[in-house]
Amino acid sequence: MPDNFLPKSSVSPPVIDAALTHWAAVGRRSTFPMAGRSMWPFLREGDQVTVVHGDYSHRPGTLIVYRHGDGLAVHRLLRAFTLHGEPVMLLRGDNNARPDPPLHQERWVGRVVAIQRGNQVYHVDSPLWVGAGWLIAFLGRMTATLEGWVSAGRRRLFPNRPAEGLGRLHQVMLLMSRLPIRLITFVLWKVAPHARV
């Protein structure tokens, strides 16, 4: 469940839908403040994200903005695929334990192209950011895949044993995936070129 929401608005959802549809048609850019911890440490509360509406890069690692309830959320694209003939995306918050359910096309809003933290702006389309995003997405997919294999193996080997024993293993696997993601994020924010506002 994502908690990295862009702030909710007092404008009604149909008006927001109409604005987002129009902005997607013209490729508008908008800037929104971030709230929540699902993308921590990559995105922090108070960061400003610049979104290109209607641009849905299918490159793993891209930060995708999507409709979530009456608001918007940002998560990282792990992979894009077709489900029952409809394009969907598999997303995950960097700080979340599991990927989100597949996201259908009607909920897509756009992608993040820049992040402002304090008085510094980072353009996330550079090769350094793209490579780091891909690596973080790869680690997220790898963790989810390993967790699925371990769960399936446990059910096959111990069909009568309750699943609580997997809790500790799940925590270790989650920690092992988060450490390299946090290290990559820390180094990236230190070495990435930026512009001052």
Protein backbone atom coordinates (compact mmCIF):
# COMPACT_ATOMS: atom_id res chain seq x y z
CA MET A 1 0.00 0.00 0.00
CA PRO A 2 1.61 3.27 -1.01
CA ASP A 3 1.95 6.09 1.47
CA ASN A 4 4.09 8.39 -0.68
CA PHE A 5 1.22 10.62 -1.64
CA LEU A 6 1.25 13.90 -3.35
CA PRO A 7 -0.98 16.09 -1.13
CA LYS A 8 -4.72 15.72 -1.50
CA SER A 9 -6.63 18.60 -3.00
CA SER A 10 -9.93 20.22 -2.11
CA VAL A 11 -10.86 19.98 -5.81
CA SER A 12 -13.34 17.23 -6.65
CA PRO A 13 -12.02 14.00 -8.26
CA PRO A 14 -13.88 14.54 -11.58
CA VAL A 15 -12.21 17.95 -11.97
CA ILE A 16 -8.82 16.43 -11.14
CA ASP A 17 -9.45 13.63 -13.68
CA ALA A 18 -10.33 16.17 -16.37
CA ALA A 19 -7.22 18.24 -15.61
CA LEU A 20 -4.94 15.18 -15.63
CA THR A 21 -6.43 13.99 -18.93
CA HIS A 22 -5.89 17.40 -20.52
CA TRP A 23 -2.36 17.72 -19.12
CA ALA A 24 -1.49 14.26 -20.48
CA ALA A 25 -2.75 15.26 -23.94
CA VAL A 26 -0.51 18.34 -24.03
CA GLY A 27 2.48 16.86 -22.15
CA ARG A 28 2.31 19.41 -19.35
CA ARG A 29 4.86 19.48 -16.54
CA SER A 30 3.74 20.01 -12.95
CA THR A 31 5.59 20.16 -9.65
CA PHE A 32 4.20 18.59 -6.48
CA PRO A 33 5.52 18.33 -2.89
CA MET A 34 6.04 14.81 -1.53
CA ALA A 35 4.66 13.32 1.67
CA GLY A 36 5.05 9.83 3.17
CA ARG A 37 7.83 7.25 3.53
CA SER A 38 7.21 4.52 0.94
CA MET A 39 10.02 5.86 -1.31
CA TRP A 40 12.38 6.79 1.55
CA PRO A 41 15.32 7.41 1.37
CA PHE A 42 15.13 8.11 -2.38
CA LEU A 43 12.28 10.60 -1.96
CA ARG A 44 11.76 12.41 1.30
CA GLU A 45 8.90 14.39 2.73
CA GLY A 46 9.17 17.93 1.40
CA ASP A 47 10.97 17.00 -1.84
CA GLN A 48 9.38 18.61 -4.89
CA VAL A 49 8.90 16.28 -7.88
CA THR A 50 8.44 17.53 -11.45
CA VAL A 51 6.08 15.30 -13.40
CA VAL A 52 5.64 15.05 -17.17
CA HIS A 53 2.00 14.11 -17.62
CA GLY A 54 1.17 11.45 -20.18
CA ASP A 55 4.78 10.21 -20.45
CA TYR A 56 4.90 6.58 -19.35
CA SER A 57 8.43 5.36 -19.84
CA HIS A 58 8.54 1.59 -19.63
CA ARG A 59 12.15 1.58 -18.47
CA PRO A 60 12.57 -0.29 -15.18
CA GLY A 61 13.58 2.10 -12.43
CA THR A 62 11.50 5.03 -13.69
CA LEU A 63 9.51 6.88 -11.01
CA ILE A 64 5.85 6.64 -12.03
CA VAL A 65 3.08 8.93 -10.76
CA TYR A 66 -0.35 7.30 -10.58
CA ARG A 67 -3.86 7.78 -9.22
CA HIS A 68 -4.37 6.26 -5.78
CA GLY A 69 -7.84 6.84 -4.38
CA ASP A 70 -8.56 10.56 -4.54
CA GLY A 71 -4.86 11.48 -4.68
CA LEU A 72 -1.62 10.73 -6.47
CA ALA A 73 1.30 8.53 -5.47
CA VAL A 74 4.85 7.92 -6.74
CA HIS A 75 6.52 4.48 -6.91
CA ARG A 76 9.32 2.89 -8.91
CA LEU A 77 8.55 0.84 -12.03
CA LEU A 78 9.81 -2.74 -11.67
CA ARG A 79 8.42 -3.94 -15.01
CA ALA A 80 5.73 -3.28 -17.58
CA PHE A 81 3.76 -6.11 -19.18
CA THR A 82 0.41 -7.08 -20.65
CA LEU A 83 -2.24 -8.70 -18.46
CA HIS A 84 -5.36 -10.02 -20.23
CA GLY A 85 -4.52 -7.87 -23.24
CA GLU A 86 -4.24 -4.67 -21.20
CA PRO A 87 -0.95 -2.85 -20.47
CA VAL A 88 -0.07 -2.83 -16.77
CA MET A 89 2.89 -1.79 -14.62
CA LEU A 90 4.35 -3.50 -11.58
CA LEU A 91 5.46 -0.81 -9.11
CA ARG A 92 7.06 -0.81 -5.69
CA GLY A 93 7.96 1.84 -3.15
CA ASP A 94 11.68 1.51 -2.36
CA ASN A 95 10.85 1.27 1.36
CA ASN A 96 7.92 -1.14 0.95
CA ALA A 97 8.14 -4.85 1.72
CA ARG A 98 6.33 -6.00 -1.43
CA PRO A 99 5.42 -4.74 -4.90
CA ASP A 100 2.04 -3.09 -5.43
CA PRO A 101 -0.74 -4.95 -7.27
CA PRO A 102 -0.49 -4.50 -11.07
CA LEU A 103 -1.38 -0.93 -12.03
CA HIS A 104 -3.76 -0.59 -14.98
CA GLN A 105 -3.33 2.07 -17.64
CA GLU A 106 -6.31 4.21 -16.62
CA ARG A 107 -4.53 5.07 -13.34
CA TRP A 108 -1.23 6.18 -14.95
CA VAL A 109 -0.53 9.93 -14.66
CA GLY A 110 3.08 10.45 -15.76
CA ARG A 111 6.69 10.10 -14.72
CA VAL A 112 9.07 12.06 -12.53
CA VAL A 113 11.76 13.93 -14.49
CA ALA A 114 13.28 16.10 -11.74
CA ILE A 115 13.50 16.22 -7.96
CA GLN A 116 14.11 19.38 -5.96
CA ARG A 117 15.56 18.86 -2.51
CA GLY A 118 16.14 22.11 -0.69
CA ASN A 119 17.74 24.53 -3.15
CA GLN A 120 19.12 21.80 -5.44
CA VAL A 121 17.42 20.32 -8.52
CA TYR A 122 18.36 16.85 -9.79
CA HIS A 123 17.33 15.81 -13.31
CA VAL A 124 16.64 12.08 -13.13
CA ASP A 125 16.93 11.42 -16.90
CA SER A 126 20.74 11.43 -16.85
CA PRO A 127 22.58 8.11 -17.37
CA LEU A 128 23.70 8.06 -13.71
CA TRP A 129 20.12 8.32 -12.40
CA VAL A 130 18.75 5.92 -15.03
CA GLY A 131 21.39 3.30 -14.16
CA ALA A 132 20.86 3.66 -10.42
CA GLY A 133 17.07 3.44 -10.89
CA TRP A 134 17.44 0.27 -12.96
CA LEU A 135 19.70 -1.29 -10.30
CA ILE A 136 17.25 -0.41 -7.51
CA ALA A 137 14.36 -1.87 -9.55
CA PHE A 138 16.39 -5.04 -10.24
CA LEU A 139 17.09 -5.49 -6.52
CA GLY A 140 13.38 -4.97 -5.75
CA ARG A 141 12.31 -7.58 -8.29
CA MET A 142 15.00 -10.01 -7.14
CA THR A 143 13.80 -9.76 -3.53
CA ALA A 144 10.17 -10.36 -4.50
CA THR A 145 11.18 -13.35 -6.66
CA LEU A 146 13.33 -14.90 -3.91
CA GLU A 147 10.56 -14.40 -1.38
CA GLY A 148 8.12 -16.19 -3.71
CA TRP A 149 10.51 -19.10 -4.18
CA VAL A 150 11.12 -19.44 -0.43
CA SER A 151 7.36 -19.33 0.28
CA ALA A 152 6.61 -21.95 -2.38
CA GLY A 153 9.43 -24.16 -1.10
CA ARG A 154 8.23 -23.88 2.48
CA ARG A 155 4.67 -24.79 1.48
CA ARG A 156 5.92 -27.77 -0.52
CA LEU A 157 8.32 -29.07 2.17
CA PHE A 158 6.15 -28.28 5.20
CA PRO A 159 2.50 -28.23 4.03
CA ASN A 160 1.08 -28.63 7.55
CA ARG A 161 3.27 -26.02 9.23
CA PRO A 162 1.81 -22.51 9.72
CA ALA A 163 3.41 -19.66 7.78
CA GLU A 164 4.52 -17.74 10.90
CA GLY A 165 7.99 -19.30 10.67
CA LEU A 166 8.59 -17.39 7.47
CA GLY A 167 8.31 -14.06 9.31
CA ARG A 168 11.91 -13.99 10.48
CA LEU A 169 13.23 -15.15 7.09
CA HIS A 170 11.12 -12.49 5.38
CA GLN A 171 12.57 -9.82 7.68
CA VAL A 172 16.14 -10.94 6.91
CA MET A 173 15.45 -10.98 3.15
CA LEU A 174 13.86 -7.51 3.34
CA LEU A 175 16.83 -6.14 5.28
CA MET A 176 19.26 -7.69 2.79
CA SER A 177 17.45 -6.00 -0.11
CA ARG A 178 17.09 -2.62 1.60
CA LEU A 179 20.76 -2.26 2.55
CA PRO A 180 22.11 -2.10 -1.03
CA ILE A 181 19.18 0.08 -2.11
CA ARG A 182 19.92 2.56 0.68
CA LEU A 183 23.64 2.49 -0.10
CA ILE A 184 22.99 3.17 -3.81
CA THR A 185 20.59 5.97 -2.89
CA PHE A 186 23.03 7.56 -0.42
CA VAL A 187 25.91 7.52 -2.90
CA LEU A 188 23.70 8.76 -5.74
CA TRP A 189 22.50 11.81 -3.80
CA LYS A 190 26.12 12.63 -2.85
CA VAL A 191 27.70 12.34 -6.33
CA ALA A 192 24.87 13.28 -8.71
CA PRO A 193 25.25 16.58 -10.53
CA HIS A 194 22.62 19.17 -9.68
CA ALA A 195 21.62 22.75 -10.33
CA ARG A 196 20.95 25.35 -7.67
CA VAL A 197 17.58 27.07 -7.57
